[in-house]
Protein backbone atom coordinates (compact mmCIF):
# COMPACT_ATOMS: atom_id res chain seq x y z
CA UNK A 1 75.49 92.30 -36.87
CA UNK A 2 72.37 92.09 -34.68
CA UNK A 3 69.45 90.22 -35.58
CA UNK A 4 66.28 92.06 -35.86
CA UNK A 5 63.16 90.32 -34.53
CA UNK A 6 60.91 88.84 -37.42
CA UNK A 7 57.73 91.16 -37.95
CA UNK A 8 54.47 89.22 -37.42
CA UNK A 9 52.29 89.22 -40.51
CA UNK A 10 49.53 91.78 -40.60
CA UNK A 11 46.12 90.43 -40.59
CA UNK A 12 43.68 91.99 -42.84
CA UNK A 13 41.43 94.55 -41.04
CA UNK A 14 37.65 93.90 -40.44
CA UNK A 15 35.83 94.51 -43.41
CA UNK A 16 38.74 94.77 -45.75
CA UNK A 17 38.29 92.74 -49.14
CA UNK A 18 40.31 89.48 -49.03
CA UNK A 19 40.97 86.34 -50.95
CA UNK A 20 38.99 83.22 -49.79
CA UNK A 21 42.41 81.63 -49.60
CA UNK A 22 43.67 84.19 -46.86
CA UNK A 23 44.26 82.58 -43.45
CA UNK A 24 43.40 84.06 -40.20
CA UNK A 25 44.62 83.17 -37.00
CA UNK A 26 41.71 82.25 -34.33
CA UNK A 27 41.86 80.55 -30.98
CA UNK A 28 39.47 77.58 -30.61
CA UNK A 29 38.73 75.45 -27.71
CA UNK A 30 38.55 71.57 -28.48
CA UNK A 31 38.08 68.55 -26.32
CA UNK A 32 41.51 66.71 -25.70
CA UNK A 33 40.14 63.49 -26.99
CA UNK A 34 39.12 65.15 -30.30
CA UNK A 35 42.66 66.86 -30.72
CA UNK A 36 44.05 63.26 -30.06
CA UNK A 37 42.09 61.94 -32.76
CA UNK A 38 42.75 64.57 -35.15
CA UNK A 39 46.53 64.63 -34.40
CA UNK A 40 46.55 60.75 -34.74
CA UNK A 41 45.16 61.18 -38.53
CA UNK A 42 47.41 64.06 -39.48
CA UNK A 43 50.13 64.82 -37.22
CA UNK A 44 50.51 68.28 -35.60
CA UNK A 45 51.57 69.91 -38.89
CA UNK A 46 48.31 69.33 -40.72
CA UNK A 47 45.89 69.86 -37.86
CA UNK A 48 44.59 73.37 -39.04
CA UNK A 49 44.07 71.85 -42.56
CA UNK A 50 42.07 69.17 -41.16
CA UNK A 51 40.10 71.17 -38.84
CA UNK A 52 39.44 73.99 -41.67
CA UNK A 53 38.20 71.18 -44.14
CA UNK A 54 35.86 69.87 -41.23
CA UNK A 55 34.44 73.30 -40.70
CA UNK A 56 34.03 73.90 -44.33
CA UNK A 57 32.17 70.58 -44.85
CA UNK A 58 29.75 71.56 -41.86
CA UNK A 59 28.94 74.84 -43.45
CA UNK A 60 28.12 72.95 -46.78
CA UNK A 61 25.83 70.86 -44.75
CA UNK A 62 24.27 73.90 -42.86
CA UNK A 63 23.77 75.57 -46.22
CA UNK A 64 21.91 72.51 -47.45
CA UNK A 65 19.58 72.32 -44.31
CA UNK A 66 18.92 76.05 -44.86
CA UNK A 67 17.81 75.42 -48.33
CA UNK A 68 15.48 72.47 -47.40
CA UNK A 69 14.14 74.60 -44.55
CA UNK A 70 13.17 77.32 -46.83
CA UNK A 71 11.84 75.04 -49.45
CA UNK A 72 9.84 73.32 -46.83
CA UNK A 73 8.37 76.57 -45.41
CA UNK A 74 7.33 77.73 -49.26
CA UNK A 75 6.10 74.46 -50.66
CA UNK A 76 5.33 72.42 -47.46
CA UNK A 77 6.86 69.18 -46.45
CA UNK A 78 7.56 66.38 -48.84
CA UNK A 79 4.49 63.84 -49.01
CA UNK A 80 5.06 60.19 -48.14
CA UNK A 81 4.30 59.05 -51.59
CA UNK A 82 6.91 61.50 -53.27
CA UNK A 83 9.59 60.37 -50.51
CA UNK A 84 9.17 56.71 -51.39
CA UNK A 85 9.20 57.56 -55.19
CA UNK A 86 12.41 59.33 -54.57
CA UNK A 87 13.80 56.41 -52.59
CA UNK A 88 12.92 53.98 -55.31
CA UNK A 89 14.46 56.16 -58.12
CA UNK A 90 17.57 56.49 -56.03
CA UNK A 91 18.05 52.65 -55.59
CA UNK A 92 17.40 52.09 -59.06
CA UNK A 93 20.05 54.70 -60.24
CA UNK A 94 23.52 54.02 -61.64
CA UNK A 95 25.05 55.24 -58.40
CA UNK A 96 24.06 51.94 -56.62
CA UNK A 97 24.43 49.44 -59.62
CA UNK A 98 28.37 50.43 -59.98
CA UNK A 99 28.84 49.78 -56.42
């Protein structure tokens, strides 16, 4: 009995509807020092999951910055007085008292 070569999984075609959980293989270039630090934390098996999480967090931060830029463009910059009030309110919040 001869063994048949395994079929490579078929990736979705460009523009095809896919689940957010569908994985796609990409090639990225990373600094050797970055790779070493990630592997030290995750081992080689969880490398992709760690990088995926890091990219997802960066995209969330980018979305927040985009929203702030849009609001600043529409409403103008936050005044020094409003910023001082926000800092004061944050300092008095439950978040800091429970720490």
